[in-house]
Amino acid sequence: RSALTEDGRPLYFLEDRMGRLRCYLQLSDAIAAEKFVNRVVEVSGQALGYRSGLRADLVWATSIRPPE
């Protein structure tokens, strides 16, 4: 979980396997994200674009799950 927020919602971030930031996630209310923290996951959602304040892309996540 990130310390940052967007529109009053907490943001989460995705890292690649090397620990580099890939993007920030803004989650729908239906997602219980805490169980996925520090885990390998697949994310589905809509790219909202680059946010200069975050210095990264922002994605509206509609689904998070373990990889198949």
N, C-alpha and C. Protein backbone atom coordinates (compact mmCIF):
# COMPACT_ATOMS: atom_id res chain seq x y z
N ARG A 1 0.85 -1.18 0.00
CA ARG A 1 0.00 0.00 0.00
C ARG A 1 0.89 1.23 0.00
N SER A 2 0.48 2.20 -0.76
CA SER A 2 1.22 3.45 -0.86
C SER A 2 0.70 4.45 0.17
N ALA A 3 1.50 5.43 0.51
CA ALA A 3 1.06 6.51 1.38
C ALA A 3 0.31 7.58 0.59
N LEU A 4 0.27 7.45 -0.73
CA LEU A 4 -0.36 8.43 -1.60
C LEU A 4 -1.84 8.14 -1.80
N THR A 5 -2.58 9.20 -2.15
CA THR A 5 -4.00 9.06 -2.47
C THR A 5 -4.30 9.80 -3.77
N GLU A 6 -5.40 9.43 -4.39
CA GLU A 6 -5.90 10.08 -5.60
C GLU A 6 -7.41 10.21 -5.42
N ASP A 7 -7.93 11.41 -5.47
CA ASP A 7 -9.36 11.66 -5.27
C ASP A 7 -9.84 11.11 -3.93
N GLY A 8 -8.99 11.19 -2.91
CA GLY A 8 -9.35 10.73 -1.58
C GLY A 8 -9.30 9.23 -1.37
N ARG A 9 -8.89 8.48 -2.39
CA ARG A 9 -8.79 7.02 -2.29
C ARG A 9 -7.32 6.62 -2.13
N PRO A 10 -7.05 5.64 -1.27
CA PRO A 10 -5.66 5.17 -1.14
C PRO A 10 -5.19 4.51 -2.43
N LEU A 11 -3.91 4.63 -2.70
CA LEU A 11 -3.31 4.01 -3.87
C LEU A 11 -2.42 2.85 -3.45
N TYR A 12 -2.35 1.86 -4.31
CA TYR A 12 -1.43 0.73 -4.15
C TYR A 12 -0.47 0.80 -5.31
N PHE A 13 0.69 0.18 -5.18
CA PHE A 13 1.63 0.20 -6.31
C PHE A 13 2.04 -1.21 -6.68
N LEU A 14 2.32 -1.36 -7.97
CA LEU A 14 2.83 -2.62 -8.49
C LEU A 14 4.31 -2.48 -8.77
N GLU A 15 5.06 -3.48 -8.38
CA GLU A 15 6.49 -3.54 -8.67
C GLU A 15 6.76 -4.70 -9.60
N ASP A 16 7.80 -4.57 -10.41
CA ASP A 16 8.23 -5.72 -11.20
C ASP A 16 9.09 -6.62 -10.33
N ARG A 17 9.59 -7.68 -10.89
CA ARG A 17 10.38 -8.64 -10.10
C ARG A 17 11.70 -8.07 -9.59
N MET A 18 12.12 -6.95 -10.16
CA MET A 18 13.36 -6.30 -9.72
C MET A 18 13.08 -5.22 -8.67
N GLY A 19 11.82 -5.05 -8.26
CA GLY A 19 11.46 -4.08 -7.24
C GLY A 19 11.26 -2.67 -7.78
N ARG A 20 11.16 -2.52 -9.10
CA ARG A 20 10.94 -1.20 -9.70
C ARG A 20 9.44 -0.93 -9.83
N LEU A 21 9.05 0.31 -9.62
CA LEU A 21 7.66 0.72 -9.72
C LEU A 21 7.15 0.54 -11.15
N ARG A 22 6.04 -0.16 -11.32
CA ARG A 22 5.40 -0.32 -12.63
C ARG A 22 4.28 0.70 -12.80
N CYS A 23 3.39 0.79 -11.79
CA CYS A 23 2.29 1.74 -11.83
C CYS A 23 1.62 1.79 -10.46
N TYR A 24 0.73 2.76 -10.31
CA TYR A 24 -0.10 2.84 -9.11
C TYR A 24 -1.48 2.32 -9.46
N LEU A 25 -2.14 1.73 -8.47
CA LEU A 25 -3.49 1.20 -8.65
C LEU A 25 -4.46 1.96 -7.78
N GLN A 26 -5.56 2.36 -8.38
CA GLN A 26 -6.70 2.88 -7.63
C GLN A 26 -7.74 1.77 -7.70
N LEU A 27 -8.25 1.34 -6.56
CA LEU A 27 -9.07 0.13 -6.52
C LEU A 27 -10.55 0.43 -6.41
N SER A 28 -11.35 -0.42 -7.05
CA SER A 28 -12.79 -0.33 -6.86
C SER A 28 -13.09 -0.78 -5.42
N ASP A 29 -14.23 -0.37 -4.91
CA ASP A 29 -14.59 -0.70 -3.52
C ASP A 29 -14.77 -2.20 -3.31
N ALA A 30 -15.00 -2.94 -4.37
CA ALA A 30 -15.26 -4.38 -4.25
C ALA A 30 -13.99 -5.20 -4.01
N ILE A 31 -12.82 -4.59 -4.15
CA ILE A 31 -11.57 -5.33 -4.02
C ILE A 31 -11.01 -5.22 -2.61
N ALA A 32 -10.78 -6.35 -1.98
CA ALA A 32 -10.12 -6.40 -0.67
C ALA A 32 -8.63 -6.62 -0.92
N ALA A 33 -7.90 -5.53 -1.09
CA ALA A 33 -6.53 -5.59 -1.58
C ALA A 33 -5.51 -6.05 -0.55
N GLU A 34 -5.78 -5.88 0.71
CA GLU A 34 -4.76 -6.17 1.72
C GLU A 34 -4.26 -7.61 1.65
N LYS A 35 -5.09 -8.54 1.24
CA LYS A 35 -4.64 -9.93 1.16
C LYS A 35 -3.68 -10.17 0.00
N PHE A 36 -3.56 -9.19 -0.92
CA PHE A 36 -2.66 -9.33 -2.06
C PHE A 36 -1.35 -8.57 -1.90
N VAL A 37 -1.20 -7.85 -0.80
CA VAL A 37 0.03 -7.07 -0.58
C VAL A 37 1.21 -8.02 -0.46
N ASN A 38 2.32 -7.68 -1.14
CA ASN A 38 3.55 -8.48 -1.17
C ASN A 38 3.36 -9.86 -1.80
N ARG A 39 2.47 -9.95 -2.77
CA ARG A 39 2.21 -11.19 -3.49
C ARG A 39 2.31 -10.93 -4.99
N VAL A 40 2.55 -12.00 -5.75
CA VAL A 40 2.50 -11.92 -7.21
C VAL A 40 1.03 -11.98 -7.60
N VAL A 41 0.58 -11.02 -8.42
CA VAL A 41 -0.83 -10.94 -8.78
C VAL A 41 -1.01 -10.61 -10.26
N GLU A 42 -2.21 -10.87 -10.76
CA GLU A 42 -2.65 -10.42 -12.07
C GLU A 42 -3.70 -9.33 -11.82
N VAL A 43 -3.60 -8.24 -12.56
CA VAL A 43 -4.51 -7.11 -12.38
C VAL A 43 -5.24 -6.85 -13.69
N SER A 44 -6.55 -6.66 -13.58
CA SER A 44 -7.36 -6.23 -14.72
C SER A 44 -7.94 -4.87 -14.39
N GLY A 45 -8.05 -4.03 -15.40
CA GLY A 45 -8.62 -2.72 -15.16
C GLY A 45 -8.43 -1.80 -16.33
N GLN A 46 -8.59 -0.52 -16.07
CA GLN A 46 -8.51 0.50 -17.11
C GLN A 46 -7.35 1.45 -16.80
N ALA A 47 -6.49 1.65 -17.80
CA ALA A 47 -5.39 2.60 -17.64
C ALA A 47 -5.95 4.02 -17.64
N LEU A 48 -5.63 4.79 -16.62
CA LEU A 48 -6.09 6.18 -16.52
C LEU A 48 -5.04 7.15 -17.03
N GLY A 49 -3.85 6.63 -17.32
CA GLY A 49 -2.79 7.47 -17.89
C GLY A 49 -1.74 7.88 -16.89
N TYR A 50 -0.77 8.61 -17.42
CA TYR A 50 0.37 9.08 -16.61
C TYR A 50 -0.08 10.22 -15.70
N ARG A 51 0.35 10.18 -14.46
CA ARG A 51 0.07 11.25 -13.50
C ARG A 51 1.40 11.88 -13.10
N SER A 52 1.58 13.14 -13.46
CA SER A 52 2.85 13.80 -13.18
C SER A 52 3.10 13.92 -11.68
N GLY A 53 2.05 14.08 -10.90
CA GLY A 53 2.21 14.16 -9.45
C GLY A 53 2.72 12.87 -8.84
N LEU A 54 2.40 11.75 -9.48
CA LEU A 54 2.86 10.44 -9.02
C LEU A 54 4.15 10.02 -9.71
N ARG A 55 4.41 10.64 -10.87
CA ARG A 55 5.53 10.26 -11.72
C ARG A 55 5.42 8.81 -12.18
N ALA A 56 4.18 8.40 -12.45
CA ALA A 56 3.92 7.03 -12.89
C ALA A 56 2.51 6.96 -13.48
N ASP A 57 2.22 5.84 -14.14
CA ASP A 57 0.88 5.60 -14.65
C ASP A 57 -0.05 5.21 -13.51
N LEU A 58 -1.32 5.53 -13.71
CA LEU A 58 -2.36 5.17 -12.75
C LEU A 58 -3.35 4.24 -13.45
N VAL A 59 -3.73 3.15 -12.78
CA VAL A 59 -4.65 2.16 -13.33
C VAL A 59 -5.82 2.01 -12.38
N TRP A 60 -7.06 2.05 -12.92
CA TRP A 60 -8.26 1.76 -12.14
C TRP A 60 -8.44 0.25 -12.16
N ALA A 61 -8.13 -0.41 -11.04
CA ALA A 61 -8.16 -1.87 -10.97
C ALA A 61 -9.57 -2.36 -10.64
N THR A 62 -10.08 -3.25 -11.48
CA THR A 62 -11.40 -3.83 -11.25
C THR A 62 -11.32 -5.28 -10.78
N SER A 63 -10.13 -5.89 -10.92
CA SER A 63 -9.95 -7.27 -10.49
C SER A 63 -8.48 -7.52 -10.17
N ILE A 64 -8.25 -8.16 -9.04
CA ILE A 64 -6.90 -8.61 -8.65
C ILE A 64 -7.02 -10.07 -8.25
N ARG A 65 -6.09 -10.89 -8.75
CA ARG A 65 -6.13 -12.32 -8.41
C ARG A 65 -4.73 -12.90 -8.50
N PRO A 66 -4.53 -14.05 -7.86
CA PRO A 66 -3.25 -14.74 -8.01
C PRO A 66 -3.11 -15.24 -9.44
N PRO A 67 -1.89 -15.38 -9.94
CA PRO A 67 -1.71 -15.87 -11.31
C PRO A 67 -2.15 -17.33 -11.43
N GLU A 68 -2.57 -17.66 -12.64
CA GLU A 68 -2.99 -19.05 -12.91
C GLU A 68 -1.82 -19.90 -13.29
